[in-house]
Amino acid sequence: MAFELGQQAGPYEFVAVEENSRTGCAYKVRNTMADRFELLLAASHARNVEKLVPVFQALYDTMSEDQKRAADEIFRDDASHPHHGRHNRETNG
């Protein structure tokens, strides 16, 4: 999925292409609701990450119940931290 610079999608206004490669595209966007600049990874990155789900599910399925609880707690805590577990991150600008 490609976006044109200046295009608005939801609260995001696309202002620059930060990185463009085979694995995806990173855009500098202005979050109009939060009035700040962020880095947004395009959908191709998400599709690539989805390919990892079966691998990690197989690993998770081999864990003991205690290991599963610990992993669940770590990833749940990490996702709630403002600088971890997110694809969008604030950038200077």
PDB file of N, CA and C in Angstrom:
ATOM      1  N   MET A   1       0.854  -1.175   0.000  1.00  0.00           N
ATOM      2  CA  MET A   1       0.000   0.000   0.000  1.00  0.00           C
ATOM      3  C   MET A   1       0.895   1.232   0.000  1.00  0.00           C
ATOM      4  N   ALA A   2       0.683   2.119  -0.931  1.00  0.00           N
ATOM      5  CA  ALA A   2       1.475   3.344  -1.026  1.00  0.00           C
ATOM      6  C   ALA A   2       0.581   4.543  -0.750  1.00  0.00           C
ATOM      7  N   PHE A   3       1.163   5.540  -0.127  1.00  0.00           N
ATOM      8  CA  PHE A   3       0.443   6.771   0.173  1.00  0.00           C
ATOM      9  C   PHE A   3       1.145   7.921  -0.537  1.00  0.00           C
ATOM     10  N   GLU A   4       0.378   8.889  -0.966  1.00  0.00           N
ATOM     11  CA  GLU A   4       0.923  10.094  -1.586  1.00  0.00           C
ATOM     12  C   GLU A   4       1.249  11.094  -0.482  1.00  0.00           C
ATOM     13  N   LEU A   5       2.349  11.816  -0.642  1.00  0.00           N
ATOM     14  CA  LEU A   5       2.678  12.851   0.330  1.00  0.00           C
ATOM     15  C   LEU A   5       1.587  13.912   0.291  1.00  0.00           C
ATOM     16  N   GLY A   6       1.185  14.350   1.468  1.00  0.00           N
ATOM     17  CA  GLY A   6       0.083  15.290   1.590  1.00  0.00           C
ATOM     18  C   GLY A   6      -1.266  14.612   1.778  1.00  0.00           C
ATOM     19  N   GLN A   7      -1.331  13.305   1.501  1.00  0.00           N
ATOM     20  CA  GLN A   7      -2.580  12.549   1.644  1.00  0.00           C
ATOM     21  C   GLN A   7      -2.950  12.441   3.121  1.00  0.00           C
ATOM     22  N   GLN A   8      -4.234  12.479   3.389  1.00  0.00           N
ATOM     23  CA  GLN A   8      -4.773  12.322   4.738  1.00  0.00           C
ATOM     24  C   GLN A   8      -5.438  10.955   4.828  1.00  0.00           C
ATOM     25  N   ALA A   9      -5.114  10.181   5.866  1.00  0.00           N
ATOM     26  CA  ALA A   9      -5.757   8.892   6.133  1.00  0.00           C
ATOM     27  C   ALA A   9      -6.063   8.846   7.620  1.00  0.00           C
ATOM     28  N   GLY A  10      -7.343   8.953   7.953  1.00  0.00           N
ATOM     29  CA  GLY A  10      -7.704   9.054   9.367  1.00  0.00           C
ATOM     30  C   GLY A  10      -7.061  10.304   9.932  1.00  0.00           C
ATOM     31  N   PRO A  11      -6.441  10.193  11.116  1.00  0.00           N
ATOM     32  CA  PRO A  11      -5.813  11.372  11.712  1.00  0.00           C
ATOM     33  C   PRO A  11      -4.408  11.650  11.178  1.00  0.00           C
ATOM     34  N   TYR A  12      -3.927  10.855  10.213  1.00  0.00           N
ATOM     35  CA  TYR A  12      -2.546  10.977   9.752  1.00  0.00           C
ATOM     36  C   TYR A  12      -2.434  11.713   8.424  1.00  0.00           C
ATOM     37  N   GLU A  13      -1.541  12.697   8.389  1.00  0.00           N
ATOM     38  CA  GLU A  13      -1.189  13.394   7.157  1.00  0.00           C
ATOM     39  C   GLU A  13       0.227  12.959   6.791  1.00  0.00           C
ATOM     40  N   PHE A  14       0.405  12.397   5.604  1.00  0.00           N
ATOM     41  CA  PHE A  14       1.692  11.863   5.174  1.00  0.00           C
ATOM     42  C   PHE A  14       2.572  13.001   4.682  1.00  0.00           C
ATOM     43  N   VAL A  15       3.731  13.195   5.355  1.00  0.00           N
ATOM     44  CA  VAL A  15       4.581  14.336   5.038  1.00  0.00           C
ATOM     45  C   VAL A  15       5.923  13.956   4.408  1.00  0.00           C
ATOM     46  N   ALA A  16       6.415  12.727   4.619  1.00  0.00           N
ATOM     47  CA  ALA A  16       7.709  12.329   4.043  1.00  0.00           C
ATOM     48  C   ALA A  16       7.836  10.815   4.043  1.00  0.00           C
ATOM     49  N   VAL A  17       8.632  10.308   3.110  1.00  0.00           N
ATOM     50  CA  VAL A  17       8.990   8.884   3.102  1.00  0.00           C
ATOM     51  C   VAL A  17      10.327   8.783   3.813  1.00  0.00           C
ATOM     52  N   GLU A  18      10.356   8.063   4.925  1.00  0.00           N
ATOM     53  CA  GLU A  18      11.574   7.914   5.704  1.00  0.00           C
ATOM     54  C   GLU A  18      12.413   6.745   5.214  1.00  0.00           C
ATOM     55  N   GLU A  19      11.758   5.670   4.782  1.00  0.00           N
ATOM     56  CA  GLU A  19      12.461   4.479   4.312  1.00  0.00           C
ATOM     57  C   GLU A  19      11.545   3.718   3.370  1.00  0.00           C
ATOM     58  N   ASN A  20      12.095   3.245   2.277  1.00  0.00           N
ATOM     59  CA  ASN A  20      11.318   2.476   1.323  1.00  0.00           C
ATOM     60  C   ASN A  20      12.181   1.306   0.870  1.00  0.00           C
ATOM     61  N   SER A  21      11.717   0.089   1.133  1.00  0.00           N
ATOM     62  CA  SER A  21      12.501  -1.091   0.783  1.00  0.00           C
ATOM     63  C   SER A  21      11.564  -2.229   0.403  1.00  0.00           C
ATOM     64  N   ARG A  22      12.148  -3.375   0.087  1.00  0.00           N
ATOM     65  CA  ARG A  22      11.342  -4.556  -0.243  1.00  0.00           C
ATOM     66  C   ARG A  22      10.417  -4.947   0.907  1.00  0.00           C
ATOM     67  N   THR A  23      10.851  -4.715   2.132  1.00  0.00           N
ATOM     68  CA  THR A  23      10.091  -5.178   3.287  1.00  0.00           C
ATOM     69  C   THR A  23       9.018  -4.212   3.750  1.00  0.00           C
ATOM     70  N   GLY A  24       8.989  -3.023   3.179  1.00  0.00           N
ATOM     71  CA  GLY A  24       7.942  -2.092   3.579  1.00  0.00           C
ATOM     72  C   GLY A  24       8.367  -0.655   3.425  1.00  0.00           C
ATOM     73  N   CYS A  25       7.527   0.206   3.889  1.00  0.00           N
ATOM     74  CA  CYS A  25       7.755   1.634   3.739  1.00  0.00           C
ATOM     75  C   CYS A  25       7.423   2.311   5.060  1.00  0.00           C
ATOM     76  N   ALA A  26       8.309   3.209   5.486  1.00  0.00           N
ATOM     77  CA  ALA A  26       8.071   3.979   6.701  1.00  0.00           C
ATOM     78  C   ALA A  26       7.815   5.429   6.301  1.00  0.00           C
ATOM     79  N   TYR A  27       6.752   5.986   6.818  1.00  0.00           N
ATOM     80  CA  TYR A  27       6.370   7.358   6.505  1.00  0.00           C
ATOM     81  C   TYR A  27       6.457   8.227   7.754  1.00  0.00           C
ATOM     82  N   LYS A  28       6.920   9.446   7.569  1.00  0.00           N
ATOM     83  CA  LYS A  28       6.783  10.446   8.620  1.00  0.00           C
ATOM     84  C   LYS A  28       5.401  11.038   8.430  1.00  0.00           C
ATOM     85  N   VAL A  29       4.597  10.986   9.472  1.00  0.00           N
ATOM     86  CA  VAL A  29       3.228  11.486   9.399  1.00  0.00           C
ATOM     87  C   VAL A  29       2.999  12.506  10.508  1.00  0.00           C
ATOM     88  N   ARG A  30       2.040  13.373  10.263  1.00  0.00           N
ATOM     89  CA  ARG A  30       1.602  14.285  11.322  1.00  0.00           C
ATOM     90  C   ARG A  30       0.288  13.744  11.841  1.00  0.00           C
ATOM     91  N   ASN A  31       0.274  13.402  13.126  1.00  0.00           N
ATOM     92  CA  ASN A  31      -0.941  12.951  13.778  1.00  0.00           C
ATOM     93  C   ASN A  31      -1.732  14.206  14.124  1.00  0.00           C
ATOM     94  N   THR A  32      -2.793  14.466  13.366  1.00  0.00           N
ATOM     95  CA  THR A  32      -3.540  15.713  13.528  1.00  0.00           C
ATOM     96  C   THR A  32      -4.336  15.762  14.831  1.00  0.00           C
ATOM     97  N   MET A  33      -4.663  14.592  15.376  1.00  0.00           N
ATOM     98  CA  MET A  33      -5.406  14.574  16.643  1.00  0.00           C
ATOM     99  C   MET A  33      -4.486  14.879  17.823  1.00  0.00           C
ATOM    100  N   ALA A  34      -3.252  14.340  17.788  1.00  0.00           N
ATOM    101  CA  ALA A  34      -2.311  14.544  18.888  1.00  0.00           C
ATOM    102  C   ALA A  34      -1.386  15.733  18.630  1.00  0.00           C
ATOM    103  N   ASP A  35      -1.458  16.311  17.416  1.00  0.00           N
ATOM    104  CA  ASP A  35      -0.625  17.438  17.023  1.00  0.00           C
ATOM    105  C   ASP A  35       0.861  17.149  17.255  1.00  0.00           C
ATOM    106  N   ARG A  36       1.315  16.025  16.666  1.00  0.00           N
ATOM    107  CA  ARG A  36       2.724  15.654  16.753  1.00  0.00           C
ATOM    108  C   ARG A  36       3.098  14.825  15.528  1.00  0.00           C
ATOM    109  N   PHE A  37       4.405  14.714  15.301  1.00  0.00           N
ATOM    110  CA  PHE A  37       4.907  13.893  14.206  1.00  0.00           C
ATOM    111  C   PHE A  37       5.214  12.496  14.715  1.00  0.00           C
ATOM    112  N   GLU A  38       4.940  11.486  13.874  1.00  0.00           N
ATOM    113  CA  GLU A  38       5.174  10.093  14.232  1.00  0.00           C
ATOM    114  C   GLU A  38       5.732   9.357  13.024  1.00  0.00           C
ATOM    115  N   LEU A  39       6.231   8.158  13.263  1.00  0.00           N
ATOM    116  CA  LEU A  39       6.682   7.284  12.199  1.00  0.00           C
ATOM    117  C   LEU A  39       5.645   6.185  12.050  1.00  0.00           C
ATOM    118  N   LEU A  40       5.160   5.980  10.834  1.00  0.00           N
ATOM    119  CA  LEU A  40       4.120   4.993  10.575  1.00  0.00           C
ATOM    120  C   LEU A  40       4.654   3.973   9.576  1.00  0.00           C
ATOM    121  N   LEU A  41       4.569   2.700   9.938  1.00  0.00           N
ATOM    122  CA  LEU A  41       5.004   1.639   9.035  1.00  0.00           C
ATOM    123  C   LEU A  41       3.828   1.175   8.212  1.00  0.00           C
ATOM    124  N   ALA A  42       4.039   1.013   6.921  1.00  0.00           N
ATOM    125  CA  ALA A  42       2.962   0.644   6.005  1.00  0.00           C
ATOM    126  C   ALA A  42       2.539  -0.804   6.198  1.00  0.00           C
ATOM    127  N   ALA A  43       1.416  -1.155   5.623  1.00  0.00           N
ATOM    128  CA  ALA A  43       0.785  -2.456   5.807  1.00  0.00           C
ATOM    129  C   ALA A  43       1.676  -3.624   5.407  1.00  0.00           C
ATOM    130  N   SER A  44       2.580  -3.436   4.457  1.00  0.00           N
ATOM    131  CA  SER A  44       3.431  -4.549   4.054  1.00  0.00           C
ATOM    132  C   SER A  44       4.270  -5.048   5.217  1.00  0.00           C
ATOM    133  N   HIS A  45       4.654  -4.152   6.111  1.00  0.00           N
ATOM    134  CA  HIS A  45       5.391  -4.564   7.306  1.00  0.00           C
ATOM    135  C   HIS A  45       4.514  -5.446   8.188  1.00  0.00           C
ATOM    136  N   ALA A  46       3.275  -5.048   8.360  1.00  0.00           N
ATOM    137  CA  ALA A  46       2.354  -5.844   9.181  1.00  0.00           C
ATOM    138  C   ALA A  46       2.158  -7.236   8.597  1.00  0.00           C
ATOM    139  N   ARG A  47       2.061  -7.333   7.271  1.00  0.00           N
ATOM    140  CA  ARG A  47       1.905  -8.642   6.636  1.00  0.00           C
ATOM    141  C   ARG A  47       3.132  -9.517   6.885  1.00  0.00           C
ATOM    142  N   ASN A  48       4.329  -8.913   6.843  1.00  0.00           N
ATOM    143  CA  ASN A  48       5.543  -9.674   7.118  1.00  0.00           C
ATOM    144  C   ASN A  48       5.583 -10.158   8.562  1.00  0.00           C
ATOM    145  N   VAL A  49       5.134  -9.323   9.487  1.00  0.00           N
ATOM    146  CA  VAL A  49       5.104  -9.719  10.892  1.00  0.00           C
ATOM    147  C   VAL A  49       4.114 -10.867  11.094  1.00  0.00           C
ATOM    148  N   GLU A  50       2.995 -10.843  10.370  1.00  0.00           N
ATOM    149  CA  GLU A  50       1.999 -11.907  10.494  1.00  0.00           C
ATOM    150  C   GLU A  50       2.575 -13.273  10.145  1.00  0.00           C
ATOM    151  N   LYS A  51       3.579 -13.315   9.302  1.00  0.00           N
ATOM    152  CA  LYS A  51       4.215 -14.574   8.936  1.00  0.00           C
ATOM    153  C   LYS A  51       4.910 -15.220  10.131  1.00  0.00           C
ATOM    154  N   LEU A  52       5.260 -14.418  11.132  1.00  0.00           N
ATOM    155  CA  LEU A  52       5.936 -14.934  12.320  1.00  0.00           C
ATOM    156  C   LEU A  52       4.975 -15.574  13.320  1.00  0.00           C
ATOM    157  N   VAL A  53       3.702 -15.255  13.228  1.00  0.00           N
ATOM    158  CA  VAL A  53       2.729 -15.739  14.201  1.00  0.00           C
ATOM    159  C   VAL A  53       2.742 -17.262  14.333  1.00  0.00           C
ATOM    160  N   PRO A  54       2.680 -18.039  13.244  1.00  0.00           N
ATOM    161  CA  PRO A  54       2.684 -19.500  13.407  1.00  0.00           C
ATOM    162  C   PRO A  54       3.957 -20.027  14.079  1.00  0.00           C
ATOM    163  N   VAL A  55       5.087 -19.386  13.802  1.00  0.00           N
ATOM    164  CA  VAL A  55       6.351 -19.816  14.413  1.00  0.00           C
ATOM    165  C   VAL A  55       6.311 -19.599  15.915  1.00  0.00           C
ATOM    166  N   PHE A  56       5.880 -18.404  16.328  1.00  0.00           N
ATOM    167  CA  PHE A  56       5.823 -18.124  17.753  1.00  0.00           C
ATOM    168  C   PHE A  56       4.709 -18.913  18.441  1.00  0.00           C
ATOM    169  N   GLN A  57       3.624 -19.194  17.745  1.00  0.00           N
ATOM    170  CA  GLN A  57       2.555 -20.010  18.318  1.00  0.00           C
ATOM    171  C   GLN A  57       3.065 -21.417  18.603  1.00  0.00           C
ATOM    172  N   ALA A  58       3.848 -21.975  17.669  1.00  0.00           N
ATOM    173  CA  ALA A  58       4.418 -23.314  17.879  1.00  0.00           C
ATOM    174  C   ALA A  58       5.330 -23.317  19.097  1.00  0.00           C
ATOM    175  N   LEU A  59       6.131 -22.275  19.253  1.00  0.00           N
ATOM    176  CA  LEU A  59       7.005 -22.170  20.429  1.00  0.00           C
ATOM    177  C   LEU A  59       6.176 -22.042  21.698  1.00  0.00           C
ATOM    178  N   TYR A  60       5.179 -21.174  21.674  1.00  0.00           N
ATOM    179  CA  TYR A  60       4.313 -20.953  22.834  1.00  0.00           C
ATOM    180  C   TYR A  60       3.628 -22.252  23.252  1.00  0.00           C
ATOM    181  N   ASP A  61       3.188 -23.032  22.273  1.00  0.00           N
ATOM    182  CA  ASP A  61       2.496 -24.294  22.563  1.00  0.00           C
ATOM    183  C   ASP A  61       3.381 -25.303  23.277  1.00  0.00           C
ATOM    184  N   THR A  62       4.702 -25.182  23.167  1.00  0.00           N
ATOM    185  CA  THR A  62       5.611 -26.110  23.836  1.00  0.00           C
ATOM    186  C   THR A  62       5.943 -25.677  25.262  1.00  0.00           C
ATOM    187  N   MET A  63       5.536 -24.489  25.655  1.00  0.00           N
ATOM    188  CA  MET A  63       5.875 -23.957  26.981  1.00  0.00           C
ATOM    189  C   MET A  63       5.006 -24.569  28.068  1.00  0.00           C
ATOM    190  N   SER A  64       5.576 -24.606  29.279  1.00  0.00           N
ATOM    191  CA  SER A  64       4.788 -25.020  30.447  1.00  0.00           C
ATOM    192  C   SER A  64       3.804 -23.903  30.782  1.00  0.00           C
ATOM    193  N   GLU A  65       2.840 -24.201  31.637  1.00  0.00           N
ATOM    194  CA  GLU A  65       1.855 -23.179  32.026  1.00  0.00           C
ATOM    195  C   GLU A  65       2.534 -21.997  32.719  1.00  0.00           C
ATOM    196  N   ASP A  66       3.554 -22.254  33.540  1.00  0.00           N
ATOM    197  CA  ASP A  66       4.282 -21.169  34.205  1.00  0.00           C
ATOM    198  C   ASP A  66       5.003 -20.292  33.179  1.00  0.00           C
ATOM    199  N   GLN A  67       5.612 -20.914  32.171  1.00  0.00           N
ATOM    200  CA  GLN A  67       6.296 -20.152  31.131  1.00  0.00           C
ATOM    201  C   GLN A  67       5.301 -19.319  30.326  1.00  0.00           C
ATOM    202  N   LYS A  68       4.139 -19.896  30.044  1.00  0.00           N
ATOM    203  CA  LYS A  68       3.118 -19.154  29.304  1.00  0.00           C
ATOM    204  C   LYS A  68       2.651 -17.941  30.089  1.00  0.00           C
ATOM    205  N   ARG A  69       2.417 -18.125  31.392  1.00  0.00           N
ATOM    206  CA  ARG A  69       1.987 -17.001  32.231  1.00  0.00           C
ATOM    207  C   ARG A  69       3.048 -15.902  32.234  1.00  0.00           C
ATOM    208  N   ALA A  70       4.323 -16.303  32.359  1.00  0.00           N
ATOM    209  CA  ALA A  70       5.414 -15.316  32.368  1.00  0.00           C
ATOM    210  C   ALA A  70       5.489 -14.586  31.025  1.00  0.00           C
ATOM    211  N   ALA A  71       5.398 -15.316  29.923  1.00  0.00           N
ATOM    212  CA  ALA A  71       5.445 -14.695  28.594  1.00  0.00           C
ATOM    213  C   ALA A  71       4.260 -13.753  28.407  1.00  0.00           C
ATOM    214  N   ASP A  72       3.075 -14.191  28.810  1.00  0.00           N
ATOM    215  CA  ASP A  72       1.889 -13.342  28.684  1.00  0.00           C
ATOM    216  C   ASP A  72       2.062 -12.043  29.466  1.00  0.00           C
ATOM    217  N   GLU A  73       2.609 -12.151  30.666  1.00  0.00           N
ATOM    218  CA  GLU A  73       2.795 -10.973  31.502  1.00  0.00           C
ATOM    219  C   GLU A  73       3.822 -10.024  30.879  1.00  0.00           C
ATOM    220  N   ILE A  74       4.907 -10.564  30.379  1.00  0.00           N
ATOM    221  CA  ILE A  74       5.947  -9.730  29.773  1.00  0.00           C
ATOM    222  C   ILE A  74       5.404  -8.977  28.564  1.00  0.00           C
ATOM    223  N   PHE A  75       4.729  -9.687  27.673  1.00  0.00           N
ATOM    224  CA  PHE A  75       4.239  -9.029  26.462  1.00  0.00           C
ATOM    225  C   PHE A  75       3.068  -8.108  26.743  1.00  0.00           C
ATOM    226  N   ARG A  76       2.239  -8.448  27.715  1.00  0.00           N
ATOM    227  CA  ARG A  76       1.140  -7.558  28.078  1.00  0.00           C
ATOM    228  C   ARG A  76       1.701  -6.269  28.648  1.00  0.00           C
ATOM    229  N   ASP A  77       2.701  -6.355  29.558  1.00  0.00           N
ATOM    230  CA  ASP A  77       3.308  -5.167  30.143  1.00  0.00           C
ATOM    231  C   ASP A  77       4.042  -4.353  29.091  1.00  0.00           C
ATOM    232  N   ASP A  78       4.746  -5.030  28.172  1.00  0.00           N
ATOM    233  CA  ASP A  78       5.516  -4.344  27.144  1.00  0.00           C
ATOM    234  C   ASP A  78       4.596  -3.558  26.214  1.00  0.00           C
ATOM    235  N   ALA A  79       3.473  -4.125  25.849  1.00  0.00           N
ATOM    236  CA  ALA A  79       2.540  -3.455  24.933  1.00  0.00           C
ATOM    237  C   ALA A  79       1.897  -2.231  25.572  1.00  0.00           C
ATOM    238  N   SER A  80       1.792  -2.203  26.894  1.00  0.00           N
ATOM    239  CA  SER A  80       1.156  -1.066  27.553  1.00  0.00           C
ATOM    240  C   SER A  80       2.136   0.068  27.835  1.00  0.00           C
ATOM    241  N   HIS A  81       3.438  -0.190  27.691  1.00  0.00           N
ATOM    242  CA  HIS A  81       4.443   0.850  27.896  1.00  0.00           C
ATOM    243  C   HIS A  81       4.415   1.800  26.701  1.00  0.00           C
ATOM    244  N   PRO A  82       4.510   3.111  26.927  1.00  0.00           N
ATOM    245  CA  PRO A  82       4.342   4.049  25.821  1.00  0.00           C
ATOM    246  C   PRO A  82       5.419   3.973  24.736  1.00  0.00           C
ATOM    247  N   HIS A  83       6.562   3.351  24.994  1.00  0.00           N
ATOM    248  CA  HIS A  83       7.623   3.306  23.989  1.00  0.00           C
ATOM    249  C   HIS A  83       7.941   1.893  23.531  1.00  0.00           C
ATOM    250  N   HIS A  84       7.151   0.914  23.906  1.00  0.00           N
ATOM    251  CA  HIS A  84       7.401  -0.469  23.509  1.00  0.00           C
ATOM    252  C   HIS A  84       6.116  -1.089  22.999  1.00  0.00           C
ATOM    253  N   GLY A  85       6.267  -2.078  22.116  1.00  0.00           N
ATOM    254  CA  GLY A  85       5.104  -2.801  21.635  1.00  0.00           C
ATOM    255  C   GLY A  85       4.222  -2.006  20.689  1.00  0.00           C
ATOM    256  N   ARG A  86       4.763  -0.924  20.121  1.00  0.00           N
ATOM    257  CA  ARG A  86       3.983  -0.087  19.202  1.00  0.00           C
ATOM    258  C   ARG A  86       4.714   0.044  17.897  1.00  0.00           C
ATOM    259  N   HIS A  87       3.969   0.122  16.799  1.00  0.00           N
ATOM    260  CA  HIS A  87       4.575   0.364  15.504  1.00  0.00           C
ATOM    261  C   HIS A  87       4.713   1.851  15.248  1.00  0.00           C
ATOM    262  N   ASN A  88       3.862   2.630  15.828  1.00  0.00           N
ATOM    263  CA  ASN A  88       3.956   4.076  15.665  1.00  0.00           C
ATOM    264  C   ASN A  88       4.819   4.608  16.793  1.00  0.00           C
ATOM    265  N   ARG A  89       5.790   5.425  16.434  1.00  0.00           N
ATOM    266  CA  ARG A  89       6.593   6.021  17.476  1.00  0.00           C
ATOM    267  C   ARG A  89       6.833   7.474  17.117  1.00  0.00           C
ATOM    268  N   GLU A  90       6.905   8.291  18.144  1.00  0.00           N
ATOM    269  CA  GLU A  90       7.086   9.724  17.924  1.00  0.00           C
ATOM    270  C   GLU A  90       8.476   9.972  17.386  1.00  0.00           C
ATOM    271  N   THR A  91       8.592  10.895  16.468  1.00  0.00           N
ATOM    272  CA  THR A  91       9.891  11.298  15.934  1.00  0.00           C
ATOM    273  C   THR A  91      10.052  12.781  16.124  1.00  0.00           C
ATOM    274  N   ASN A  92      11.265  13.240  16.100  1.00  0.00           N
ATOM    275  CA  ASN A  92      11.521  14.674  16.212  1.00  0.00           C
ATOM    276  C   ASN A  92      11.092  15.367  14.940  1.00  0.00           C
ATOM    277  N   GLY A  93      10.579  16.540  15.069  1.00  0.00           N
ATOM    278  CA  GLY A  93      10.220  17.291  13.858  1.00  0.00           C
ATOM    279  C   GLY A  93       9.016  18.038  14.065  1.00  0.00           C
TER     280      GLY A  93
END
